[in-house]
Amino acid sequence: MPITGMPEVQPGDVIADLLVAAAIAGGTPVEAGDCVVVTQKIVSKAENRLVPLPVDDLDARRALIESEAVRVLRRRGELLITETRHGFVCANAGIDVSNVDAGVAALLPVDGDRSAKRIRDALRAVHGLEVAVIVTDTFGRAWRRGLTDVAIGVSGLAGVADLRGGTDANGRVLQVTEVAIADEVAGAAELVMGKAESVPVALVRGLDPGWFREASVDELIRPYAEDLFR
């Protein structure tokens, strides 16, 4: 369910307070057991992860991307595929200039898990709501066309549900099945938030109670030693 009516987020704003007020005003109040999905853009704005970036200065843009990356994996024209300090492999170190003022770029949160936990803690302490929180961003995918939202911060919901050791419908033991729960929830939420509708928060309701636990986005990052493509 989209939470509409969110105001423009400014540095220092408390996202939990804004989203609770918007949800009530929109007739879809947050309930205990929900998963609150928040886009990276408003988190970066609230945390003042905004830097000047001249619109047409390609050299400044490239330098900023490289400063936010631990390594550049591929280059094609002005596109850089990078690995960030968080361990994310994505385009241009996750730096974004959409839905921000001209001449400004939004950087990824320093710690997405911490950002998600801050929102979750405020929802619990101030509003009495026990929920999970996912911070999302839009990534491309190797070998697949199209973009999808994925989790870049998690609090209170499994990043991955490990089904190894269980059995399938035919009784065969599952040996490799790990479900990217947080990414799947992020992608589902994006369907109601969209890219141009200015809906930066959604509620996901009815998730399996067994998925609610302390977690980290690190669960979703494949260790370098297990990566066959880097």
C-alpha atoms as a PDB file:
ATOM      1  CA  MET A   1       0.000   0.000   0.000  1.00  0.00           C
ATOM      2  CA  PRO A   2       1.483   3.375  -0.990  1.00  0.00           C
ATOM      3  CA  ILE A   3       1.729   6.113   1.623  1.00  0.00           C
ATOM      4  CA  THR A   4       0.764   9.221  -0.276  1.00  0.00           C
ATOM      5  CA  GLY A   5       0.995  12.827   0.819  1.00  0.00           C
ATOM      6  CA  MET A   6       4.548  12.732   2.165  1.00  0.00           C
ATOM      7  CA  PRO A   7       5.994  16.261   2.287  1.00  0.00           C
ATOM      8  CA  GLU A   8       9.304  17.134   0.685  1.00  0.00           C
ATOM      9  CA  VAL A   9      11.930  15.781   3.083  1.00  0.00           C
ATOM     10  CA  GLN A  10      14.583  18.190   4.326  1.00  0.00           C
ATOM     11  CA  PRO A  11      17.875  17.556   6.149  1.00  0.00           C
ATOM     12  CA  GLY A  12      17.178  16.786   9.798  1.00  0.00           C
ATOM     13  CA  ASP A  13      13.577  15.674   9.274  1.00  0.00           C
ATOM     14  CA  VAL A  14      12.354  12.645  11.251  1.00  0.00           C
ATOM     15  CA  ILE A  15      11.063  10.259   8.613  1.00  0.00           C
ATOM     16  CA  ALA A  16       9.093   8.169  11.111  1.00  0.00           C
ATOM     17  CA  ASP A  17       7.000  11.170  12.158  1.00  0.00           C
ATOM     18  CA  LEU A  18       6.352  12.243   8.575  1.00  0.00           C
ATOM     19  CA  LEU A  19       5.307   8.816   7.340  1.00  0.00           C
ATOM     20  CA  VAL A  20       3.016   8.120  10.302  1.00  0.00           C
ATOM     21  CA  ALA A  21       1.203  11.437   9.781  1.00  0.00           C
ATOM     22  CA  ALA A  22       0.901  10.856   6.018  1.00  0.00           C
ATOM     23  CA  ALA A  23      -0.351   7.302   6.507  1.00  0.00           C
ATOM     24  CA  ILE A  24      -3.067   8.429   8.927  1.00  0.00           C
ATOM     25  CA  ALA A  25      -4.102  11.314   6.667  1.00  0.00           C
ATOM     26  CA  GLY A  26      -4.268   8.938   3.701  1.00  0.00           C
ATOM     27  CA  GLY A  27      -6.447   6.411   5.490  1.00  0.00           C
ATOM     28  CA  THR A  28      -3.828   3.641   5.667  1.00  0.00           C
ATOM     29  CA  PRO A  29      -2.315   3.977   9.161  1.00  0.00           C
ATOM     30  CA  VAL A  30       0.732   1.904   9.988  1.00  0.00           C
ATOM     31  CA  GLU A  31      -0.100  -1.234  11.971  1.00  0.00           C
ATOM     32  CA  ALA A  32       2.002  -3.502  14.173  1.00  0.00           C
ATOM     33  CA  GLY A  33       3.481  -6.297  12.073  1.00  0.00           C
ATOM     34  CA  ASP A  34       3.777  -4.164   8.922  1.00  0.00           C
ATOM     35  CA  CYS A  35       6.975  -3.778   6.962  1.00  0.00           C
ATOM     36  CA  VAL A  36       7.644  -0.120   6.179  1.00  0.00           C
ATOM     37  CA  VAL A  37       9.568   0.325   2.925  1.00  0.00           C
ATOM     38  CA  VAL A  38      11.374   3.655   2.474  1.00  0.00           C
ATOM     39  CA  THR A  39      13.275   4.830  -0.586  1.00  0.00           C
ATOM     40  CA  GLN A  40      16.931   5.747  -0.303  1.00  0.00           C
ATOM     41  CA  LYS A  41      16.301   9.223  -1.678  1.00  0.00           C
ATOM     42  CA  ILE A  42      14.354  10.531   1.318  1.00  0.00           C
ATOM     43  CA  VAL A  43      16.730   8.819   3.736  1.00  0.00           C
ATOM     44  CA  SER A  44      19.677  10.514   2.051  1.00  0.00           C
ATOM     45  CA  LYS A  45      17.865  13.850   2.193  1.00  0.00           C
ATOM     46  CA  ALA A  46      16.988  13.477   5.890  1.00  0.00           C
ATOM     47  CA  GLU A  47      20.586  12.483   6.673  1.00  0.00           C
ATOM     48  CA  ASN A  48      21.928  15.362   4.555  1.00  0.00           C
ATOM     49  CA  ARG A  49      23.814  13.068   2.199  1.00  0.00           C
ATOM     50  CA  LEU A  50      23.599  15.794  -0.439  1.00  0.00           C
ATOM     51  CA  VAL A  51      26.572  17.307  -2.231  1.00  0.00           C
ATOM     52  CA  PRO A  52      26.979  19.974  -4.915  1.00  0.00           C
ATOM     53  CA  LEU A  53      27.455  18.600  -8.425  1.00  0.00           C
ATOM     54  CA  PRO A  54      27.429  20.961 -11.417  1.00  0.00           C
ATOM     55  CA  VAL A  55      24.914  19.686 -13.946  1.00  0.00           C
ATOM     56  CA  ASP A  56      27.204  19.505 -16.976  1.00  0.00           C
ATOM     57  CA  ASP A  57      30.562  18.884 -15.291  1.00  0.00           C
ATOM     58  CA  LEU A  58      31.327  15.302 -16.320  1.00  0.00           C
ATOM     59  CA  ASP A  59      34.779  15.381 -14.738  1.00  0.00           C
ATOM     60  CA  ALA A  60      33.310  16.382 -11.366  1.00  0.00           C
ATOM     61  CA  ARG A  61      30.682  13.651 -11.697  1.00  0.00           C
ATOM     62  CA  ARG A  62      33.308  11.012 -12.460  1.00  0.00           C
ATOM     63  CA  ALA A  63      35.481  12.159  -9.557  1.00  0.00           C
ATOM     64  CA  LEU A  64      32.532  12.006  -7.153  1.00  0.00           C
ATOM     65  CA  ILE A  65      31.635   8.487  -8.284  1.00  0.00           C
ATOM     66  CA  GLU A  66      35.199   7.293  -7.846  1.00  0.00           C
ATOM     67  CA  SER A  67      35.405   8.890  -4.402  1.00  0.00           C
ATOM     68  CA  GLU A  68      32.305   6.926  -3.303  1.00  0.00           C
ATOM     69  CA  ALA A  69      33.578   3.616  -4.707  1.00  0.00           C
ATOM     70  CA  VAL A  70      36.154   1.167  -3.404  1.00  0.00           C
ATOM     71  CA  ARG A  71      36.748  -0.117  -6.924  1.00  0.00           C
ATOM     72  CA  VAL A  72      35.565   0.446 -10.465  1.00  0.00           C
ATOM     73  CA  LEU A  73      34.651  -2.853 -12.106  1.00  0.00           C
ATOM     74  CA  ARG A  74      33.633  -1.697 -15.597  1.00  0.00           C
ATOM     75  CA  ARG A  75      33.542   1.496 -17.643  1.00  0.00           C
ATOM     76  CA  ARG A  76      31.440   2.246 -20.697  1.00  0.00           C
ATOM     77  CA  GLY A  77      31.412   5.875 -21.733  1.00  0.00           C
ATOM     78  CA  GLU A  78      30.130   7.850 -18.772  1.00  0.00           C
ATOM     79  CA  LEU A  79      28.720   4.738 -17.063  1.00  0.00           C
ATOM     80  CA  LEU A  80      30.791   3.178 -14.290  1.00  0.00           C
ATOM     81  CA  ILE A  81      29.946  -0.100 -12.600  1.00  0.00           C
ATOM     82  CA  THR A  82      31.361   0.189  -9.117  1.00  0.00           C
ATOM     83  CA  GLU A  83      31.596  -1.534  -5.782  1.00  0.00           C
ATOM     84  CA  THR A  84      30.671   0.718  -2.872  1.00  0.00           C
ATOM     85  CA  ARG A  85      31.995   0.670   0.678  1.00  0.00           C
ATOM     86  CA  HIS A  86      28.817  -1.175   1.628  1.00  0.00           C
ATOM     87  CA  GLY A  87      29.691  -4.037  -0.742  1.00  0.00           C
ATOM     88  CA  PHE A  88      27.024  -3.124  -3.310  1.00  0.00           C
ATOM     89  CA  VAL A  89      27.870  -3.571  -6.984  1.00  0.00           C
ATOM     90  CA  CYS A  90      25.886  -0.933  -8.858  1.00  0.00           C
ATOM     91  CA  ALA A  91      26.034   1.845 -11.411  1.00  0.00           C
ATOM     92  CA  ASN A  92      27.853   5.058 -10.493  1.00  0.00           C
ATOM     93  CA  ALA A  93      28.298   4.169  -6.798  1.00  0.00           C
ATOM     94  CA  GLY A  94      24.573   4.685  -6.258  1.00  0.00           C
ATOM     95  CA  ILE A  95      24.889   8.446  -6.759  1.00  0.00           C
ATOM     96  CA  ASP A  96      21.604   9.910  -7.968  1.00  0.00           C
ATOM     97  CA  VAL A  97      20.564  13.288  -9.371  1.00  0.00           C
ATOM     98  CA  SER A  98      16.857  12.542  -9.884  1.00  0.00           C
ATOM     99  CA  ASN A  99      14.263  14.106  -7.577  1.00  0.00           C
ATOM    100  CA  VAL A 100      16.801  16.512  -6.074  1.00  0.00           C
ATOM    101  CA  ASP A 101      17.517  20.148  -6.875  1.00  0.00           C
ATOM    102  CA  ALA A 102      19.558  20.922  -9.979  1.00  0.00           C
ATOM    103  CA  GLY A 103      23.251  21.050  -9.187  1.00  0.00           C
ATOM    104  CA  VAL A 104      22.890  18.606  -6.287  1.00  0.00           C
ATOM    105  CA  ALA A 105      23.560  14.848  -6.055  1.00  0.00           C
ATOM    106  CA  ALA A 106      22.303  12.425  -3.428  1.00  0.00           C
ATOM    107  CA  LEU A 107      24.778   9.907  -2.023  1.00  0.00           C
ATOM    108  CA  LEU A 108      23.848   6.562  -0.503  1.00  0.00           C
ATOM    109  CA  PRO A 109      23.359   6.526   3.278  1.00  0.00           C
ATOM    110  CA  VAL A 110      26.594   5.807   5.119  1.00  0.00           C
ATOM    111  CA  ASP A 111      25.018   2.743   6.779  1.00  0.00           C
ATOM    112  CA  GLY A 112      21.694   1.543   5.390  1.00  0.00           C
ATOM    113  CA  ASP A 113      21.048  -0.838   8.279  1.00  0.00           C
ATOM    114  CA  ARG A 114      21.577   1.972  10.763  1.00  0.00           C
ATOM    115  CA  SER A 115      19.217   4.208   8.780  1.00  0.00           C
ATOM    116  CA  ALA A 116      16.526   1.501   8.794  1.00  0.00           C
ATOM    117  CA  LYS A 117      17.012   0.902  12.518  1.00  0.00           C
ATOM    118  CA  ARG A 118      16.742   4.618  13.277  1.00  0.00           C
ATOM    119  CA  ILE A 119      13.339   4.770  11.574  1.00  0.00           C
ATOM    120  CA  ARG A 120      12.205   1.529  13.224  1.00  0.00           C
ATOM    121  CA  ASP A 121      13.310   2.679  16.679  1.00  0.00           C
ATOM    122  CA  ALA A 122      11.423   5.965  16.286  1.00  0.00           C
ATOM    123  CA  LEU A 123       8.275   4.162  15.158  1.00  0.00           C
ATOM    124  CA  ARG A 124       8.476   1.986  18.276  1.00  0.00           C
ATOM    125  CA  ALA A 125       9.529   4.596  20.833  1.00  0.00           C
ATOM    126  CA  VAL A 126       7.404   7.541  19.701  1.00  0.00           C
ATOM    127  CA  HIS A 127       4.442   5.898  17.998  1.00  0.00           C
ATOM    128  CA  GLY A 128       4.239   2.508  19.747  1.00  0.00           C
ATOM    129  CA  LEU A 129       4.506   0.572  16.487  1.00  0.00           C
ATOM    130  CA  GLU A 130       6.477  -2.677  16.254  1.00  0.00           C
ATOM    131  CA  VAL A 131       7.312  -2.998  12.567  1.00  0.00           C
ATOM    132  CA  ALA A 132      10.157  -3.925  10.245  1.00  0.00           C
ATOM    133  CA  VAL A 133      11.854  -1.332   8.030  1.00  0.00           C
ATOM    134  CA  ILE A 134      13.603  -1.699   4.684  1.00  0.00           C
ATOM    135  CA  VAL A 135      15.514   1.089   2.929  1.00  0.00           C
ATOM    136  CA  THR A 136      15.550   0.540  -0.838  1.00  0.00           C
ATOM    137  CA  ASP A 137      17.329   1.727  -3.941  1.00  0.00           C
ATOM    138  CA  THR A 138      16.980   0.977  -7.640  1.00  0.00           C
ATOM    139  CA  PHE A 139      19.575  -1.321  -9.189  1.00  0.00           C
ATOM    140  CA  GLY A 140      20.120  -2.872 -12.578  1.00  0.00           C
ATOM    141  CA  ARG A 141      20.947  -6.569 -12.798  1.00  0.00           C
ATOM    142  CA  ALA A 142      23.612  -8.440 -14.721  1.00  0.00           C
ATOM    143  CA  TRP A 143      22.163 -10.491 -17.604  1.00  0.00           C
ATOM    144  CA  ARG A 144      18.648  -9.059 -17.127  1.00  0.00           C
ATOM    145  CA  ARG A 145      16.962  -6.023 -18.643  1.00  0.00           C
ATOM    146  CA  GLY A 146      15.090  -3.538 -16.528  1.00  0.00           C
ATOM    147  CA  LEU A 147      15.538  -2.074 -13.074  1.00  0.00           C
ATOM    148  CA  THR A 148      14.188  -3.234  -9.736  1.00  0.00           C
ATOM    149  CA  ASP A 149      14.277  -1.945  -6.191  1.00  0.00           C
ATOM    150  CA  VAL A 150      16.450  -3.869  -3.740  1.00  0.00           C
ATOM    151  CA  ALA A 151      17.182  -3.561  -0.053  1.00  0.00           C
ATOM    152  CA  ILE A 152      20.175  -1.447   0.958  1.00  0.00           C
ATOM    153  CA  GLY A 153      19.251  -1.414   4.652  1.00  0.00           C
ATOM    154  CA  VAL A 154      17.210  -3.771   6.813  1.00  0.00           C
ATOM    155  CA  SER A 155      15.918  -3.750  10.384  1.00  0.00           C
ATOM    156  CA  GLY A 156      13.545  -6.310  11.830  1.00  0.00           C
ATOM    157  CA  LEU A 157      13.091  -8.485   8.726  1.00  0.00           C
ATOM    158  CA  ALA A 158      15.192 -11.320   7.329  1.00  0.00           C
ATOM    159  CA  GLY A 159      17.513 -10.355   4.519  1.00  0.00           C
ATOM    160  CA  VAL A 160      17.619 -13.973   3.394  1.00  0.00           C
ATOM    161  CA  ALA A 161      15.434 -16.940   4.348  1.00  0.00           C
ATOM    162  CA  ASP A 162      17.657 -20.014   4.322  1.00  0.00           C
ATOM    163  CA  LEU A 163      15.616 -23.037   3.241  1.00  0.00           C
ATOM    164  CA  ARG A 164      18.575 -25.380   2.914  1.00  0.00           C
ATOM    165  CA  GLY A 165      18.008 -28.627   4.741  1.00  0.00           C
ATOM    166  CA  GLY A 166      14.252 -28.509   4.274  1.00  0.00           C
ATOM    167  CA  THR A 167      12.396 -30.538   1.671  1.00  0.00           C
ATOM    168  CA  ASP A 168      10.515 -29.672  -1.499  1.00  0.00           C
ATOM    169  CA  ALA A 169       7.008 -30.862  -2.403  1.00  0.00           C
ATOM    170  CA  ASN A 170       8.437 -34.206  -3.481  1.00  0.00           C
ATOM    171  CA  GLY A 171      10.443 -34.754  -0.332  1.00  0.00           C
ATOM    172  CA  ARG A 172      13.836 -33.961  -1.856  1.00  0.00           C
ATOM    173  CA  VAL A 173      16.251 -32.114   0.439  1.00  0.00           C
ATOM    174  CA  LEU A 174      16.848 -28.493  -0.545  1.00  0.00           C
ATOM    175  CA  GLN A 175      20.582 -27.878  -0.865  1.00  0.00           C
ATOM    176  CA  VAL A 176      20.998 -24.380  -2.314  1.00  0.00           C
ATOM    177  CA  THR A 177      17.713 -22.526  -1.781  1.00  0.00           C
ATOM    178  CA  GLU A 178      18.159 -19.147  -0.097  1.00  0.00           C
ATOM    179  CA  VAL A 179      15.321 -16.693  -0.706  1.00  0.00           C
ATOM    180  CA  ALA A 180      16.174 -12.976  -0.864  1.00  0.00           C
ATOM    181  CA  ILE A 181      13.210 -11.916   1.276  1.00  0.00           C
ATOM    182  CA  ALA A 182      14.190  -8.269   1.747  1.00  0.00           C
ATOM    183  CA  ASP A 183      14.871  -7.767  -1.962  1.00  0.00           C
ATOM    184  CA  GLU A 184      11.570  -9.399  -2.922  1.00  0.00           C
ATOM    185  CA  VAL A 185       9.661  -7.165  -0.506  1.00  0.00           C
ATOM    186  CA  ALA A 186      11.521  -4.125  -1.861  1.00  0.00           C
ATOM    187  CA  GLY A 187      10.602  -5.046  -5.426  1.00  0.00           C
ATOM    188  CA  ALA A 188       6.954  -5.596  -4.507  1.00  0.00           C
ATOM    189  CA  ALA A 189       6.775  -2.232  -2.750  1.00  0.00           C
ATOM    190  CA  GLU A 190       8.272  -0.457  -5.753  1.00  0.00           C
ATOM    191  CA  LEU A 191       5.274  -1.531  -7.828  1.00  0.00           C
ATOM    192  CA  VAL A 192       3.057   0.837  -5.822  1.00  0.00           C
ATOM    193  CA  MET A 193       5.661   3.564  -5.337  1.00  0.00           C
ATOM    194  CA  GLY A 194       6.729   3.887  -8.974  1.00  0.00           C
ATOM    195  CA  LYS A 195       9.494   6.094 -10.345  1.00  0.00           C
ATOM    196  CA  ALA A 196       7.606   9.294 -11.127  1.00  0.00           C
ATOM    197  CA  GLU A 197       4.689   9.387  -8.678  1.00  0.00           C
ATOM    198  CA  SER A 198       6.613  10.923  -5.739  1.00  0.00           C
ATOM    199  CA  VAL A 199       5.546   8.124  -3.389  1.00  0.00           C
ATOM    200  CA  PRO A 200       8.658   7.361  -1.321  1.00  0.00           C
ATOM    201  CA  VAL A 201       7.107   5.076   1.326  1.00  0.00           C
ATOM    202  CA  ALA A 202       4.947   1.955   1.194  1.00  0.00           C
ATOM    203  CA  LEU A 203       3.489  -0.521   3.665  1.00  0.00           C
ATOM    204  CA  VAL A 204       3.749  -4.250   3.076  1.00  0.00           C
ATOM    205  CA  ARG A 205       1.262  -6.171   5.195  1.00  0.00           C
ATOM    206  CA  GLY A 206       0.682  -9.888   5.751  1.00  0.00           C
ATOM    207  CA  LEU A 207       4.267 -11.158   5.590  1.00  0.00           C
ATOM    208  CA  ASP A 208       5.154 -14.477   7.180  1.00  0.00           C
ATOM    209  CA  PRO A 209       5.713 -13.801  10.913  1.00  0.00           C
ATOM    210  CA  GLY A 210       8.684 -16.151  10.770  1.00  0.00           C
ATOM    211  CA  TRP A 211      10.546 -13.646   8.613  1.00  0.00           C
ATOM    212  CA  PHE A 212      10.549 -10.971  11.307  1.00  0.00           C
ATOM    213  CA  ARG A 213      13.893 -11.049  13.117  1.00  0.00           C
ATOM    214  CA  GLU A 214      17.009  -9.002  13.654  1.00  0.00           C
ATOM    215  CA  ALA A 215      18.922  -8.924  10.397  1.00  0.00           C
ATOM    216  CA  SER A 216      21.347  -7.025   8.199  1.00  0.00           C
ATOM    217  CA  VAL A 217      21.610  -6.221   4.522  1.00  0.00           C
ATOM    218  CA  ASP A 218      24.978  -8.002   4.687  1.00  0.00           C
ATOM    219  CA  GLU A 219      23.024 -11.259   4.401  1.00  0.00           C
ATOM    220  CA  LEU A 220      22.289 -10.325   0.790  1.00  0.00           C
ATOM    221  CA  ILE A 221      25.854  -9.498  -0.238  1.00  0.00           C
ATOM    222  CA  ARG A 222      27.741 -12.400  -1.763  1.00  0.00           C
ATOM    223  CA  PRO A 223      31.218 -12.690  -0.241  1.00  0.00           C
ATOM    224  CA  TYR A 224      34.019 -11.923  -2.652  1.00  0.00           C
ATOM    225  CA  ALA A 225      35.406 -15.466  -2.347  1.00  0.00           C
ATOM    226  CA  GLU A 226      32.064 -16.872  -3.563  1.00  0.00           C
ATOM    227  CA  ASP A 227      31.718 -14.451  -6.472  1.00  0.00           C
ATOM    228  CA  LEU A 228      32.534 -16.115  -9.798  1.00  0.00           C
ATOM    229  CA  PHE A 229      32.367 -12.882 -11.798  1.00  0.00           C
ATOM    230  CA  ARG A 230      34.759 -10.493 -10.063  1.00  0.00           C
END
